[in-house]
Amino acid sequence: MNTLTDYTRNLVETVASEGAQPIYARAEVGGELDAIRLPTGAAIAWRVPESADPNDSASELHKAALAIRAATSAAARVTAIQRDERLSDTAKAEDIANAWAGGAAKVDKLLSEVEAEAERFAAHERAMLAPPPVTDPVHQMADMEARQWLASVPAANLPDLVHKMQAGELPDLLAAAMRSPVPLPGGVGQVLPDAWRAHLTRTRPDDLRALDARRERLTWLLEVSRQAAGAIQRPQTTGPAVRRV
């Protein structure tokens, strides 16, 4: 089984062969890898989340490494062209533009895929963190009656009621309130997400940890991919690619 340390070491060796330099979080070589500096001077942060899987070829770790390798290869090609005394300035400019364009095609494609993956995960996460929907009339009626009762509670009693929901004493009422299609009175709706999160922590801790870890890895992968895309020099006549928000 490949460890994260092994994977990182192999990545460093691969990009170093093309002129990239590792930047470590501590002074000594062999410390935690903080970033990778490309031959052209741009740096891409590494700082891998602990949950990253070095043995999954479809993992966020693997995709981040692909982005860095693509950017490194393009930068190495550009550096080699710049140093080639056999080429005229015109030929160098053309070859450099082609090298950057080839790197941009690879990195931008990967970034687009990562952004789409992040969007799909965000939708999945919202569904996982939301209370389960109710479709049968009996439960829908019970939901409506619970919300009507909640709306009738005097404002002075709401803090105590919210505290009970946060403590897990009224899970059905909490779920019904979370499913409310309209804002709830007394500012209750503002504290419900935290109460529901506490409920999930008690009832589905493994699912919650898995979601948190996946979100951390995707956020990291997005940052690495965007930095790799930013390290690619582009013609000044073209603006940045329009991407998902």
Foldseek 3Di string as FASTA:
>chain_A
DADPLNLVVVLQVLLVVLPKHWDAPDDDPPHHTAWIAANVGFIFGDPADPPFDPVDCPTLNNLLSQLVNLLNQLSSQLVVLVPDPVDDPVRSVVSNQVSLVSSLVRLVVSLQVLQVVLVVLVVVVVCVLAQDDDDDPVLVVVLVVLLVVQLPDDLVCVVVVLVCLLVVNCVSSLNSQSPDPDDGPNCSVVCSSNSSVSVCCVVPVPVVVVSVSRNVSSVSSSRSSVSSSVSRDHDPVDDDDDHDD
